[in-house]
Amino acid sequence: MITLLGVGGCDQGATSLQGMEFPQLATLGQPAFLQNPAAAAAYRQRGLQLRQGGEMTDAIATLKTAVALDPNHIPGQVLLGWTQHLAGQRPQAIATLQRALTQQPEDIPALNALGIVYLVEGDLAAAIATHTQAKTLKPDNEIAHYNLSLAYQRWPDLPQAIAHAQQATELEPYNPHPWVALALAHWSAGDRAAAQTAYGTALALDGRYRDRAHLDHLSRAGFSPEQITTVTALWQAR
C-alpha cells in the first residue's frame, strides 16, 4: 500500500533504549503515575521493534503504555491504532484512532489511518467520509485519493473512482498501486484499453505484476478479494 504515516515520525525525539528498564509485558496497562514523555518515546520505539518482529500482542501492550505515559502525543496514538489494525483488532483500532481525532480533529495521519481501517472493514460510507475530510484538509494527500478510488469502485461510483485514482497517480507516479487502482477503475467502467494502459505502467514500475501470484499481495494495499478477482481478469486479458 502507499506508505502510511511515516512511522518514524511517531518516534521523533525517542530516547535510546540503552539503560532503560521495561516491566514485564504482562504487568503493563495503564500505569498510575505521572506522565513521562521521554519514557513514552522509548516505549514507542520498543513497541515498533516488537511489531517489526511479529510480536503483535507485546507490541500493542507496549504502545498502550506509551500512550498512558504521554496521552497528548497524537502520533503515538496513531502508531497504536495502526498496530491494532495490522493485528486484526480493527474495532480497537477504530476506537484508538477516533480518540486521537477527538483531541486533534484535523490530524492527517489519524484520518488516513482511520479511513483505511474503515475501508478494510467494508464500511465504505465511513471510509469515503473520512478520506474526503483528509483530502479536503490536504488536497495533495495521495493516500486519501488512492483509498477513495478503491472505495468508490466498490460503492460503485466509477467516475469518482477513476478521478481519484488519476489524482493518486499524479501525486505518486512511481508507486505501482495507484496505477493498478486506475486500471481497476477503468476496467470496471468498461474501458479495457485505458485499463491495460494503466496496468502497463504498473508493470513498468514493478515487473512482479506479471506474476499472477503477486496479485494476492494487493490485499495488503487495500484491495478487497472481489477487486483482486477483477484485477486478475484484467491480468488474464493482457
Protein backbone atom coordinates (compact mmCIF):
# COMPACT_ATOMS: atom_id res chain seq x y z
CA MET A 1 0.00 0.00 0.00
CA ILE A 2 1.04 3.61 -0.38
CA THR A 3 3.36 4.37 2.51
CA LEU A 4 1.34 5.33 5.52
CA LEU A 5 2.10 7.87 8.17
CA GLY A 6 5.89 7.80 8.04
CA VAL A 7 6.05 5.67 11.14
CA GLY A 8 9.43 7.03 12.04
CA GLY A 9 7.74 10.36 12.63
CA CYS A 10 5.94 8.82 15.55
CA ASP A 11 9.26 8.34 17.26
CA GLN A 12 10.84 11.75 16.83
CA GLY A 13 12.74 12.58 19.94
CA ALA A 14 12.74 8.96 21.09
CA THR A 15 15.29 8.27 23.76
CA SER A 16 17.78 5.44 23.44
CA LEU A 17 16.66 2.12 24.84
CA GLN A 18 20.10 1.53 26.28
CA GLY A 19 19.83 1.56 30.03
CA MET A 20 16.02 1.62 30.01
CA GLU A 21 14.29 -1.00 32.13
CA PHE A 22 10.97 -2.32 30.86
CA PRO A 23 8.48 -4.02 33.18
CA GLN A 24 7.30 -7.49 32.23
CA LEU A 25 4.74 -7.00 29.49
CA ALA A 26 2.11 -8.96 31.38
CA THR A 27 2.12 -6.27 34.06
CA LEU A 28 1.72 -3.36 31.66
CA GLY A 29 -1.50 -1.49 31.27
CA GLN A 30 -2.38 1.99 32.46
CA PRO A 31 0.38 2.87 34.96
CA ALA A 32 -0.83 5.09 37.78
CA PHE A 33 2.00 7.59 37.74
CA LEU A 34 2.76 10.94 36.23
CA GLN A 35 3.20 11.48 32.52
CA ASN A 36 6.71 10.87 31.24
CA PRO A 37 7.20 11.84 27.56
CA ALA A 38 10.82 10.63 27.46
CA ALA A 39 9.88 7.17 28.73
CA ALA A 40 6.88 7.14 26.37
CA ALA A 41 9.21 7.72 23.42
CA ALA A 42 11.31 4.73 24.47
CA TYR A 43 8.20 2.58 24.79
CA ARG A 44 7.10 3.65 21.29
CA GLN A 45 10.48 2.66 19.92
CA ARG A 46 10.30 -0.68 21.71
CA GLY A 47 6.73 -1.26 20.55
CA LEU A 48 7.74 -0.63 16.95
CA GLN A 49 10.63 -3.09 17.30
CA LEU A 50 8.26 -5.73 18.67
CA ARG A 51 5.82 -5.13 15.83
CA GLN A 52 8.56 -5.48 13.25
CA GLY A 53 9.47 -8.77 14.87
CA GLY A 54 5.90 -10.02 14.59
CA GLU A 55 5.24 -9.91 18.34
CA MET A 56 1.94 -8.11 17.95
CA THR A 57 0.44 -8.75 21.40
CA ASP A 58 3.53 -7.45 23.17
CA ALA A 59 3.82 -4.57 20.71
CA ILE A 60 0.27 -3.43 21.44
CA ALA A 61 0.77 -3.72 25.21
CA THR A 62 3.96 -1.66 24.98
CA LEU A 63 2.37 1.00 22.77
CA LYS A 64 -0.59 1.27 25.15
CA THR A 65 1.89 2.04 27.91
CA ALA A 66 3.46 4.71 25.72
CA VAL A 67 0.03 6.32 25.26
CA ALA A 68 -0.60 6.20 29.01
CA LEU A 69 2.74 7.89 29.65
CA ASP A 70 2.12 10.61 27.05
CA PRO A 71 -1.63 10.77 26.34
CA ASN A 72 -1.40 14.02 24.38
CA HIS A 73 1.08 12.65 21.84
CA ILE A 74 -1.17 12.06 18.83
CA PRO A 75 1.41 10.22 16.67
CA GLY A 76 1.77 7.68 19.48
CA GLN A 77 -1.95 7.04 19.41
CA VAL A 78 -1.87 6.68 15.63
CA LEU A 79 1.01 4.20 15.93
CA LEU A 80 -1.02 2.17 18.43
CA GLY A 81 -4.14 2.29 16.27
CA TRP A 82 -2.27 1.23 13.14
CA THR A 83 -0.61 -1.63 15.03
CA GLN A 84 -4.01 -2.80 16.28
CA HIS A 85 -5.21 -2.70 12.67
CA LEU A 86 -2.26 -4.78 11.48
CA ALA A 87 -3.00 -7.28 14.24
CA GLY A 88 -6.60 -7.63 13.03
CA GLN A 89 -8.00 -5.75 16.04
CA ARG A 90 -9.98 -3.34 13.89
CA PRO A 91 -12.73 -2.32 16.35
CA GLN A 92 -9.99 -1.45 18.84
CA ALA A 93 -8.06 0.37 16.12
CA ILE A 94 -11.12 2.41 15.23
CA ALA A 95 -11.65 3.35 18.87
CA THR A 96 -8.00 4.36 19.30
CA LEU A 97 -7.95 6.49 16.15
CA GLN A 98 -11.29 8.10 16.90
CA ARG A 99 -9.99 9.02 20.35
CA ALA A 100 -6.93 10.64 18.76
CA LEU A 101 -9.21 12.64 16.47
CA THR A 102 -11.31 13.90 19.37
CA GLN A 103 -8.10 15.52 20.62
CA GLN A 104 -6.90 16.72 17.22
CA PRO A 105 -9.74 16.54 14.66
CA GLU A 106 -7.61 17.64 11.70
CA ASP A 107 -4.70 15.27 12.18
CA ILE A 108 -3.99 13.93 8.67
CA PRO A 109 -2.16 10.70 9.66
CA ALA A 110 -5.00 9.78 12.03
CA LEU A 111 -7.60 10.44 9.34
CA ASN A 112 -5.63 8.46 6.77
CA ALA A 113 -5.25 5.51 9.12
CA LEU A 114 -8.89 5.54 10.22
CA GLY A 115 -10.09 5.74 6.62
CA ILE A 116 -8.03 2.68 5.71
CA VAL A 117 -9.39 0.69 8.66
CA TYR A 118 -12.94 1.57 7.61
CA LEU A 119 -12.14 0.55 4.02
CA VAL A 120 -10.74 -2.83 5.05
CA GLU A 121 -13.73 -3.34 7.35
CA GLY A 122 -16.06 -2.72 4.40
CA ASP A 123 -17.65 0.41 5.89
CA LEU A 124 -17.47 2.29 2.61
CA ALA A 125 -19.57 5.28 3.70
CA ALA A 126 -17.29 5.92 6.68
CA ALA A 127 -14.17 5.33 4.58
CA ILE A 128 -15.32 7.82 1.95
CA ALA A 129 -16.31 10.42 4.55
CA THR A 130 -13.02 10.09 6.43
CA HIS A 131 -10.77 10.17 3.38
CA THR A 132 -12.77 13.05 1.89
CA GLN A 133 -12.10 15.03 5.05
CA ALA A 134 -8.41 14.12 4.84
CA LYS A 135 -8.03 15.21 1.20
CA THR A 136 -10.06 18.38 1.81
CA LEU A 137 -7.62 19.35 4.55
CA LYS A 138 -4.65 18.32 2.41
CA PRO A 139 -5.50 18.24 -1.31
CA ASP A 140 -2.18 16.59 -2.25
CA ASN A 141 -2.87 13.69 0.13
CA GLU A 142 -2.09 10.76 -2.16
CA ILE A 143 -3.18 8.20 0.47
CA ALA A 144 -6.66 9.68 0.63
CA HIS A 145 -7.06 9.85 -3.16
CA TYR A 146 -5.83 6.28 -3.60
CA ASN A 147 -8.18 4.84 -0.99
CA LEU A 148 -11.09 6.95 -2.24
CA SER A 149 -10.58 5.32 -5.63
CA LEU A 150 -10.79 1.83 -4.09
CA ALA A 151 -13.83 2.81 -2.01
CA TYR A 152 -15.71 4.40 -4.90
CA GLN A 153 -15.01 1.42 -7.17
CA ARG A 154 -16.80 -0.75 -4.63
CA TRP A 155 -19.59 1.78 -3.99
CA PRO A 156 -19.82 1.96 -7.03
CA ASP A 157 -19.22 5.43 -8.41
CA LEU A 158 -16.82 4.72 -11.25
CA PRO A 159 -16.25 8.32 -12.45
CA GLN A 160 -15.15 9.21 -8.93
CA ALA A 161 -13.02 6.06 -8.72
CA ILE A 162 -11.25 7.00 -11.96
CA ALA A 163 -10.80 10.64 -10.95
CA HIS A 164 -9.26 9.83 -7.57
CA ALA A 165 -7.02 7.10 -8.98
CA GLN A 166 -5.80 9.51 -11.64
CA GLN A 167 -5.05 12.09 -8.96
CA ALA A 168 -3.15 9.49 -6.94
CA THR A 169 -1.01 8.56 -9.95
CA GLU A 170 -0.15 12.22 -10.48
CA LEU A 171 0.81 12.67 -6.83
CA GLU A 172 2.79 9.43 -6.59
CA PRO A 173 3.70 8.42 -10.16
CA TYR A 174 6.40 5.92 -9.20
CA ASN A 175 4.17 3.80 -6.96
CA PRO A 176 2.52 0.93 -8.91
CA HIS A 177 -0.51 0.67 -6.59
CA PRO A 178 -2.31 3.83 -7.83
CA TRP A 179 -1.80 2.63 -11.40
CA VAL A 180 -3.37 -0.74 -10.56
CA ALA A 181 -6.25 1.12 -8.89
CA LEU A 182 -6.66 3.24 -12.03
CA ALA A 183 -6.61 0.10 -14.19
CA LEU A 184 -9.26 -1.47 -11.94
CA ALA A 185 -11.49 1.61 -12.19
CA HIS A 186 -11.22 1.81 -15.99
CA TRP A 187 -11.82 -1.93 -16.36
CA SER A 188 -14.91 -1.71 -14.15
CA ALA A 189 -16.18 1.15 -16.32
CA GLY A 190 -15.75 -0.98 -19.44
CA ASP A 191 -12.76 0.88 -20.86
CA ARG A 192 -10.42 -2.05 -21.40
CA ALA A 193 -7.89 -0.11 -23.47
CA ALA A 194 -7.41 2.50 -20.74
CA ALA A 195 -7.25 -0.26 -18.14
CA GLN A 196 -4.49 -2.09 -19.97
CA THR A 197 -2.56 1.15 -20.48
CA ALA A 198 -2.66 1.89 -16.75
CA TYR A 199 -1.74 -1.68 -15.89
CA GLY A 200 1.14 -1.48 -18.32
CA THR A 201 2.51 1.47 -16.36
CA ALA A 202 2.26 -0.56 -13.15
CA LEU A 203 4.18 -3.37 -14.88
CA ALA A 204 6.89 -0.96 -15.97
CA LEU A 205 7.27 0.18 -12.36
CA ASP A 206 7.13 -3.30 -10.82
CA GLY A 207 7.60 -6.35 -13.01
CA ARG A 208 6.17 -8.62 -10.31
CA TYR A 209 2.70 -7.72 -11.58
CA ARG A 210 3.40 -10.07 -14.50
CA ASP A 211 3.09 -12.92 -11.98
CA ARG A 212 -0.44 -13.97 -11.08
CA ALA A 213 0.63 -14.98 -7.58
CA HIS A 214 1.80 -11.44 -6.85
CA LEU A 215 -1.73 -10.11 -7.29
CA ASP A 216 -2.73 -11.70 -4.00
CA HIS A 217 -0.44 -9.18 -2.30
CA LEU A 218 -2.86 -6.44 -3.33
CA SER A 219 -4.83 -7.32 -0.20
CA ARG A 220 -2.05 -5.56 1.72
CA ALA A 221 -2.65 -2.50 -0.43
CA GLY A 222 -6.33 -2.21 0.50
CA PHE A 223 -7.85 -4.20 -2.37
CA SER A 224 -10.83 -6.38 -1.45
CA PRO A 225 -10.99 -10.04 -2.59
CA GLU A 226 -13.53 -9.03 -5.24
CA GLN A 227 -11.23 -6.30 -6.51
CA ILE A 228 -8.33 -8.73 -6.72
CA THR A 229 -10.55 -11.07 -8.76
CA THR A 230 -11.30 -8.21 -11.17
CA VAL A 231 -7.61 -7.31 -11.48
CA THR A 232 -6.90 -10.98 -12.17
CA ALA A 233 -9.38 -10.88 -15.07
CA LEU A 234 -7.59 -7.79 -16.35
CA TRP A 235 -4.23 -9.58 -16.00
CA GLN A 236 -5.53 -12.64 -17.90
CA ALA A 237 -6.75 -10.43 -20.77
CA ARG A 238 -3.33 -8.90 -21.44
